[in-house]
Amino acid sequence: MRRNEKITKIMTESPITIQVGQPLSKASALMREHGFHHVPVVDGARLVGILSTTDLLQVSYQHGADPRQIDAVLDHTVSIRELMRDPQEIKDTQTVRDAVEILAEGKFHSLPVTTAEGELAGIVTTTDLLRYLKDQY
């Protein structure tokens, strides 16, 4: 692995996002439709949070809902703003090595990539890093 390779080389550009004011069921549908486990939450183009399938399932379990009927529960319990977590992000000027160091801690499986202005530029996942390493060897 090249130590100074920019994260922008391996990130997914223009990732699918959810606006902070949209219903939780829309976030759930996006994750199911695209097979994602995380979706960045934006306010305009600015990254404000991240939602995961685990977050959505916790809401379902807390309200005693059948996970197969999660969408019916989500919109009547909490908002995206209430449920989203503060994202661990990486700046578009940082390196692949920086991403490896963050993701290797095991607390996160994706890193939104942001500009100096806080706008979402892309996303990097553990899968992206593994593909990058595979291509190196």
N, C-alpha and C. Protein backbone atom coordinates (compact mmCIF):
# COMPACT_ATOMS: atom_id res chain seq x y z
N MET A 1 0.84 -1.17 0.00
CA MET A 1 0.00 0.00 0.00
C MET A 1 0.89 1.24 0.00
N ARG A 2 0.57 2.14 -0.87
CA ARG A 2 1.31 3.40 -0.91
C ARG A 2 0.84 4.28 0.25
N ARG A 3 1.78 4.72 1.06
CA ARG A 3 1.44 5.45 2.28
C ARG A 3 0.69 6.76 2.03
N ASN A 4 0.97 7.42 0.93
CA ASN A 4 0.39 8.74 0.70
C ASN A 4 -0.74 8.75 -0.32
N GLU A 5 -1.28 7.59 -0.65
CA GLU A 5 -2.39 7.51 -1.61
C GLU A 5 -3.60 8.23 -1.01
N LYS A 6 -4.16 9.17 -1.74
CA LYS A 6 -5.31 9.94 -1.26
C LYS A 6 -6.55 9.05 -1.16
N ILE A 7 -7.36 9.31 -0.16
CA ILE A 7 -8.58 8.54 0.06
C ILE A 7 -9.54 8.69 -1.12
N THR A 8 -9.44 9.80 -1.83
CA THR A 8 -10.32 10.04 -2.98
C THR A 8 -10.11 9.00 -4.08
N LYS A 9 -8.95 8.32 -4.08
CA LYS A 9 -8.68 7.30 -5.09
C LYS A 9 -9.60 6.09 -4.94
N ILE A 10 -9.99 5.77 -3.71
CA ILE A 10 -10.77 4.55 -3.50
C ILE A 10 -12.20 4.79 -3.03
N MET A 11 -12.53 6.03 -2.72
CA MET A 11 -13.88 6.31 -2.21
C MET A 11 -14.93 6.15 -3.31
N THR A 12 -16.14 5.91 -2.89
CA THR A 12 -17.29 5.94 -3.79
C THR A 12 -17.75 7.39 -3.83
N GLU A 13 -17.70 7.98 -5.02
CA GLU A 13 -18.11 9.38 -5.17
C GLU A 13 -19.63 9.48 -5.23
N SER A 14 -20.13 10.63 -4.81
CA SER A 14 -21.56 10.93 -4.86
C SER A 14 -22.40 9.77 -4.31
N PRO A 15 -22.18 9.39 -3.06
CA PRO A 15 -22.94 8.26 -2.52
C PRO A 15 -24.42 8.61 -2.36
N ILE A 16 -25.22 7.59 -2.30
CA ILE A 16 -26.64 7.78 -2.03
C ILE A 16 -26.77 8.28 -0.60
N THR A 17 -27.59 9.30 -0.41
CA THR A 17 -27.76 9.92 0.90
C THR A 17 -29.23 10.04 1.23
N ILE A 18 -29.49 10.46 2.45
CA ILE A 18 -30.85 10.78 2.88
C ILE A 18 -30.81 12.18 3.48
N GLN A 19 -31.78 13.00 3.14
CA GLN A 19 -31.87 14.34 3.72
C GLN A 19 -32.41 14.23 5.15
N VAL A 20 -31.94 15.08 6.01
CA VAL A 20 -32.26 15.00 7.43
C VAL A 20 -33.77 15.09 7.70
N GLY A 21 -34.53 15.76 6.86
CA GLY A 21 -35.96 15.91 7.09
C GLY A 21 -36.83 14.81 6.52
N GLN A 22 -36.25 13.85 5.85
CA GLN A 22 -37.04 12.78 5.24
C GLN A 22 -37.44 11.74 6.29
N PRO A 23 -38.47 10.95 5.99
CA PRO A 23 -38.91 9.94 6.95
C PRO A 23 -37.92 8.78 7.07
N LEU A 24 -37.88 8.17 8.25
CA LEU A 24 -37.00 7.04 8.48
C LEU A 24 -37.29 5.88 7.53
N SER A 25 -38.55 5.71 7.17
CA SER A 25 -38.89 4.60 6.27
C SER A 25 -38.18 4.76 4.92
N LYS A 26 -37.94 5.99 4.51
CA LYS A 26 -37.22 6.22 3.25
C LYS A 26 -35.77 5.75 3.39
N ALA A 27 -35.15 6.03 4.54
CA ALA A 27 -33.78 5.56 4.78
C ALA A 27 -33.74 4.04 4.78
N SER A 28 -34.70 3.42 5.42
CA SER A 28 -34.78 1.96 5.47
C SER A 28 -34.93 1.38 4.07
N ALA A 29 -35.79 1.99 3.27
CA ALA A 29 -36.01 1.52 1.90
C ALA A 29 -34.75 1.66 1.06
N LEU A 30 -34.03 2.78 1.21
CA LEU A 30 -32.78 2.98 0.47
C LEU A 30 -31.75 1.90 0.81
N MET A 31 -31.62 1.61 2.10
CA MET A 31 -30.64 0.60 2.51
C MET A 31 -31.01 -0.78 1.97
N ARG A 32 -32.29 -1.12 2.04
CA ARG A 32 -32.72 -2.42 1.51
C ARG A 32 -32.52 -2.50 0.00
N GLU A 33 -32.95 -1.46 -0.70
CA GLU A 33 -32.89 -1.43 -2.16
C GLU A 33 -31.47 -1.57 -2.69
N HIS A 34 -30.52 -0.92 -2.02
CA HIS A 34 -29.14 -0.90 -2.51
C HIS A 34 -28.21 -1.84 -1.76
N GLY A 35 -28.72 -2.52 -0.74
CA GLY A 35 -27.89 -3.45 0.02
C GLY A 35 -26.87 -2.76 0.91
N PHE A 36 -27.18 -1.54 1.34
CA PHE A 36 -26.27 -0.78 2.20
C PHE A 36 -26.55 -1.08 3.66
N HIS A 37 -25.53 -0.91 4.49
CA HIS A 37 -25.70 -1.02 5.93
C HIS A 37 -25.64 0.35 6.60
N HIS A 38 -25.21 1.35 5.84
CA HIS A 38 -25.09 2.72 6.34
C HIS A 38 -25.55 3.69 5.26
N VAL A 39 -26.13 4.79 5.69
CA VAL A 39 -26.46 5.85 4.73
C VAL A 39 -26.12 7.20 5.38
N PRO A 40 -25.34 8.02 4.68
CA PRO A 40 -25.02 9.35 5.21
C PRO A 40 -26.27 10.23 5.23
N VAL A 41 -26.39 11.03 6.27
CA VAL A 41 -27.49 11.98 6.41
C VAL A 41 -26.93 13.36 6.11
N VAL A 42 -27.60 14.06 5.21
CA VAL A 42 -27.13 15.38 4.80
C VAL A 42 -28.22 16.43 5.00
N ASP A 43 -27.77 17.65 5.15
CA ASP A 43 -28.65 18.82 5.15
C ASP A 43 -28.16 19.65 3.98
N GLY A 44 -28.86 19.55 2.86
CA GLY A 44 -28.34 20.10 1.61
C GLY A 44 -27.22 19.19 1.16
N ALA A 45 -26.00 19.72 1.05
CA ALA A 45 -24.84 18.90 0.69
C ALA A 45 -23.94 18.63 1.89
N ARG A 46 -24.28 19.22 3.03
CA ARG A 46 -23.44 19.13 4.23
C ARG A 46 -23.76 17.87 5.03
N LEU A 47 -22.72 17.11 5.36
CA LEU A 47 -22.87 15.91 6.17
C LEU A 47 -23.25 16.30 7.60
N VAL A 48 -24.34 15.70 8.11
CA VAL A 48 -24.76 16.00 9.48
C VAL A 48 -24.87 14.75 10.35
N GLY A 49 -24.86 13.56 9.74
CA GLY A 49 -24.98 12.34 10.54
C GLY A 49 -24.87 11.11 9.68
N ILE A 50 -25.08 9.96 10.32
CA ILE A 50 -25.09 8.69 9.61
C ILE A 50 -26.10 7.77 10.29
N LEU A 51 -26.79 6.99 9.49
CA LEU A 51 -27.74 6.00 9.98
C LEU A 51 -27.25 4.62 9.58
N SER A 52 -27.50 3.64 10.43
CA SER A 52 -27.14 2.27 10.09
C SER A 52 -28.35 1.37 10.23
N THR A 53 -28.27 0.20 9.64
CA THR A 53 -29.35 -0.77 9.79
C THR A 53 -29.52 -1.14 11.26
N THR A 54 -28.43 -1.16 12.01
CA THR A 54 -28.51 -1.45 13.44
C THR A 54 -29.35 -0.40 14.16
N ASP A 55 -29.18 0.87 13.81
CA ASP A 55 -29.98 1.94 14.41
C ASP A 55 -31.46 1.69 14.16
N LEU A 56 -31.80 1.33 12.92
CA LEU A 56 -33.19 1.11 12.56
C LEU A 56 -33.77 -0.11 13.29
N LEU A 57 -33.00 -1.17 13.39
CA LEU A 57 -33.47 -2.37 14.09
C LEU A 57 -33.66 -2.11 15.57
N GLN A 58 -32.82 -1.28 16.17
CA GLN A 58 -32.98 -0.96 17.59
C GLN A 58 -34.31 -0.26 17.84
N VAL A 59 -34.71 0.63 16.94
CA VAL A 59 -36.01 1.30 17.07
C VAL A 59 -37.12 0.26 16.99
N SER A 60 -37.00 -0.65 16.06
CA SER A 60 -37.99 -1.71 15.89
C SER A 60 -38.12 -2.54 17.16
N TYR A 61 -37.00 -2.97 17.70
CA TYR A 61 -37.02 -3.81 18.91
C TYR A 61 -37.53 -3.04 20.12
N GLN A 62 -37.15 -1.78 20.25
CA GLN A 62 -37.60 -0.98 21.39
C GLN A 62 -39.11 -0.80 21.41
N HIS A 63 -39.71 -0.85 20.25
CA HIS A 63 -41.16 -0.66 20.15
C HIS A 63 -41.89 -1.98 19.94
N GLY A 64 -41.18 -3.08 20.11
CA GLY A 64 -41.81 -4.39 20.02
C GLY A 64 -42.35 -4.73 18.65
N ALA A 65 -41.79 -4.14 17.62
CA ALA A 65 -42.29 -4.36 16.26
C ALA A 65 -41.60 -5.54 15.61
N ASP A 66 -42.32 -6.17 14.74
CA ASP A 66 -41.76 -7.23 13.91
C ASP A 66 -40.80 -6.57 12.93
N PRO A 67 -39.51 -7.00 12.88
CA PRO A 67 -38.56 -6.36 11.96
C PRO A 67 -39.01 -6.35 10.51
N ARG A 68 -39.88 -7.29 10.14
CA ARG A 68 -40.38 -7.31 8.75
C ARG A 68 -41.38 -6.19 8.50
N GLN A 69 -41.89 -5.61 9.58
CA GLN A 69 -42.85 -4.51 9.46
C GLN A 69 -42.24 -3.18 9.94
N ILE A 70 -40.93 -3.10 9.84
CA ILE A 70 -40.20 -1.97 10.42
C ILE A 70 -40.65 -0.61 9.87
N ASP A 71 -40.94 -0.53 8.59
CA ASP A 71 -41.30 0.77 8.01
C ASP A 71 -42.55 1.36 8.64
N ALA A 72 -43.50 0.51 9.02
CA ALA A 72 -44.73 0.99 9.65
C ALA A 72 -44.45 1.62 11.01
N VAL A 73 -43.41 1.15 11.68
CA VAL A 73 -43.06 1.66 13.01
C VAL A 73 -42.18 2.90 12.93
N LEU A 74 -41.24 2.90 12.00
CA LEU A 74 -40.21 3.94 11.96
C LEU A 74 -40.76 5.36 11.89
N ASP A 75 -41.72 5.59 11.03
CA ASP A 75 -42.19 6.96 10.82
C ASP A 75 -43.05 7.48 11.97
N HIS A 76 -43.42 6.59 12.89
CA HIS A 76 -44.28 7.01 14.00
C HIS A 76 -43.56 7.01 15.34
N THR A 77 -42.25 6.90 15.31
CA THR A 77 -41.50 6.81 16.56
C THR A 77 -40.50 7.95 16.72
N VAL A 78 -39.48 7.97 15.89
CA VAL A 78 -38.44 8.99 15.99
C VAL A 78 -38.12 9.53 14.60
N SER A 79 -37.47 10.67 14.59
CA SER A 79 -37.07 11.26 13.31
C SER A 79 -35.63 10.87 12.99
N ILE A 80 -35.24 11.11 11.76
CA ILE A 80 -33.85 10.87 11.37
C ILE A 80 -32.92 11.70 12.26
N ARG A 81 -33.27 12.94 12.50
CA ARG A 81 -32.43 13.82 13.32
C ARG A 81 -32.21 13.24 14.72
N GLU A 82 -33.26 12.63 15.28
CA GLU A 82 -33.15 12.04 16.62
C GLU A 82 -32.34 10.75 16.63
N LEU A 83 -32.42 9.99 15.57
CA LEU A 83 -31.79 8.67 15.54
C LEU A 83 -30.37 8.67 14.99
N MET A 84 -30.08 9.58 14.07
CA MET A 84 -28.75 9.56 13.43
C MET A 84 -27.65 9.74 14.46
N ARG A 85 -26.50 9.23 14.11
CA ARG A 85 -25.32 9.36 14.98
C ARG A 85 -24.36 10.37 14.36
N ASP A 86 -23.53 10.93 15.22
CA ASP A 86 -22.46 11.79 14.70
C ASP A 86 -21.52 10.91 13.89
N PRO A 87 -21.21 11.30 12.69
CA PRO A 87 -20.37 10.44 11.86
C PRO A 87 -18.88 10.57 12.18
N GLN A 88 -18.19 9.46 12.12
CA GLN A 88 -16.73 9.49 12.10
C GLN A 88 -16.41 9.73 10.63
N GLU A 89 -15.79 10.81 10.32
CA GLU A 89 -15.53 11.14 8.92
C GLU A 89 -14.05 11.26 8.66
N ILE A 90 -13.72 11.32 7.40
CA ILE A 90 -12.34 11.52 6.97
C ILE A 90 -12.37 12.63 5.91
N LYS A 91 -11.39 13.49 5.94
CA LYS A 91 -11.34 14.59 4.98
C LYS A 91 -10.79 14.11 3.64
N ASP A 92 -11.21 14.75 2.58
CA ASP A 92 -10.77 14.35 1.23
C ASP A 92 -9.29 14.58 0.99
N THR A 93 -8.62 15.25 1.90
CA THR A 93 -7.17 15.47 1.79
C THR A 93 -6.37 14.38 2.50
N GLN A 94 -7.06 13.52 3.24
CA GLN A 94 -6.38 12.47 3.99
C GLN A 94 -6.07 11.27 3.10
N THR A 95 -5.35 10.32 3.67
CA THR A 95 -4.85 9.19 2.89
C THR A 95 -5.59 7.89 3.20
N VAL A 96 -5.34 6.91 2.33
CA VAL A 96 -5.88 5.56 2.54
C VAL A 96 -5.38 5.04 3.89
N ARG A 97 -4.13 5.29 4.18
CA ARG A 97 -3.54 4.85 5.46
C ARG A 97 -4.33 5.42 6.64
N ASP A 98 -4.73 6.68 6.55
CA ASP A 98 -5.54 7.29 7.62
C ASP A 98 -6.85 6.53 7.80
N ALA A 99 -7.48 6.17 6.70
CA ALA A 99 -8.73 5.42 6.76
C ALA A 99 -8.52 4.05 7.39
N VAL A 100 -7.43 3.38 7.01
CA VAL A 100 -7.12 2.07 7.58
C VAL A 100 -6.98 2.18 9.09
N GLU A 101 -6.27 3.19 9.56
CA GLU A 101 -6.07 3.35 11.00
C GLU A 101 -7.39 3.54 11.74
N ILE A 102 -8.30 4.30 11.16
CA ILE A 102 -9.61 4.52 11.80
C ILE A 102 -10.45 3.25 11.77
N LEU A 103 -10.56 2.64 10.60
CA LEU A 103 -11.42 1.46 10.46
C LEU A 103 -10.86 0.24 11.18
N ALA A 104 -9.55 0.16 11.34
CA ALA A 104 -8.93 -0.98 12.02
C ALA A 104 -9.31 -1.03 13.50
N GLU A 105 -9.75 0.09 14.06
CA GLU A 105 -10.18 0.10 15.46
C GLU A 105 -11.45 -0.74 15.65
N GLY A 106 -12.18 -0.99 14.56
CA GLY A 106 -13.36 -1.85 14.62
C GLY A 106 -14.64 -1.20 15.09
N LYS A 107 -14.64 0.10 15.31
CA LYS A 107 -15.86 0.78 15.76
C LYS A 107 -16.77 1.18 14.60
N PHE A 108 -16.18 1.30 13.41
CA PHE A 108 -16.91 1.77 12.24
C PHE A 108 -16.62 0.85 11.06
N HIS A 109 -17.56 0.82 10.12
CA HIS A 109 -17.37 0.03 8.91
C HIS A 109 -17.45 0.90 7.66
N SER A 110 -17.71 2.18 7.88
CA SER A 110 -17.73 3.12 6.75
C SER A 110 -17.31 4.49 7.25
N LEU A 111 -16.71 5.24 6.36
CA LEU A 111 -16.27 6.60 6.67
C LEU A 111 -16.76 7.55 5.58
N PRO A 112 -17.65 8.48 5.92
CA PRO A 112 -17.97 9.51 4.96
C PRO A 112 -16.73 10.37 4.71
N VAL A 113 -16.53 10.74 3.47
CA VAL A 113 -15.40 11.59 3.08
C VAL A 113 -15.96 12.99 2.84
N THR A 114 -15.39 13.97 3.54
CA THR A 114 -15.91 15.33 3.44
C THR A 114 -14.86 16.31 2.95
N THR A 115 -15.35 17.41 2.40
CA THR A 115 -14.48 18.50 1.96
C THR A 115 -14.16 19.40 3.16
N ALA A 116 -13.30 20.36 2.96
CA ALA A 116 -12.97 21.31 4.02
C ALA A 116 -14.20 22.08 4.48
N GLU A 117 -15.20 22.21 3.60
CA GLU A 117 -16.43 22.93 3.92
C GLU A 117 -17.47 22.05 4.60
N GLY A 118 -17.16 20.77 4.82
CA GLY A 118 -18.10 19.86 5.46
C GLY A 118 -19.08 19.20 4.52
N GLU A 119 -18.90 19.40 3.22
CA GLU A 119 -19.79 18.77 2.25
C GLU A 119 -19.35 17.34 1.98
N LEU A 120 -20.32 16.48 1.77
CA LEU A 120 -20.04 15.07 1.52
C LEU A 120 -19.47 14.90 0.12
N ALA A 121 -18.28 14.32 0.03
CA ALA A 121 -17.63 14.09 -1.26
C ALA A 121 -17.72 12.63 -1.67
N GLY A 122 -17.82 11.73 -0.68
CA GLY A 122 -17.86 10.31 -0.97
C GLY A 122 -17.96 9.51 0.30
N ILE A 123 -17.77 8.19 0.16
CA ILE A 123 -17.79 7.30 1.31
C ILE A 123 -16.80 6.17 1.05
N VAL A 124 -16.15 5.71 2.11
CA VAL A 124 -15.21 4.59 2.04
C VAL A 124 -15.67 3.55 3.04
N THR A 125 -15.72 2.30 2.61
CA THR A 125 -16.11 1.20 3.48
C THR A 125 -14.95 0.23 3.65
N THR A 126 -15.10 -0.67 4.60
CA THR A 126 -14.08 -1.71 4.77
C THR A 126 -13.95 -2.54 3.50
N THR A 127 -15.04 -2.74 2.80
CA THR A 127 -14.99 -3.48 1.53
C THR A 127 -14.15 -2.73 0.50
N ASP A 128 -14.29 -1.41 0.43
CA ASP A 128 -13.46 -0.62 -0.49
C ASP A 128 -11.98 -0.80 -0.18
N LEU A 129 -11.64 -0.81 1.10
CA LEU A 129 -10.24 -0.99 1.49
C LEU A 129 -9.72 -2.37 1.13
N LEU A 130 -10.55 -3.38 1.32
CA LEU A 130 -10.13 -4.74 0.95
C LEU A 130 -9.92 -4.87 -0.55
N ARG A 131 -10.80 -4.27 -1.33
CA ARG A 131 -10.62 -4.30 -2.79
C ARG A 131 -9.33 -3.59 -3.20
N TYR A 132 -9.05 -2.48 -2.56
CA TYR A 132 -7.82 -1.73 -2.82
C TYR A 132 -6.61 -2.60 -2.52
N LEU A 133 -6.62 -3.26 -1.38
CA LEU A 133 -5.50 -4.12 -1.01
C LEU A 133 -5.35 -5.29 -1.97
N LYS A 134 -6.47 -5.87 -2.37
CA LYS A 134 -6.45 -6.98 -3.33
C LYS A 134 -5.78 -6.54 -4.63
N ASP A 135 -6.10 -5.34 -5.08
CA ASP A 135 -5.52 -4.82 -6.32
C ASP A 135 -4.02 -4.53 -6.18
N GLN A 136 -3.56 -4.31 -4.96
CA GLN A 136 -2.15 -4.03 -4.73
C GLN A 136 -1.29 -5.29 -4.75
N TYR A 137 -1.92 -6.44 -4.50
CA TYR A 137 -1.14 -7.68 -4.37
C TYR A 137 -1.49 -8.71 -5.38
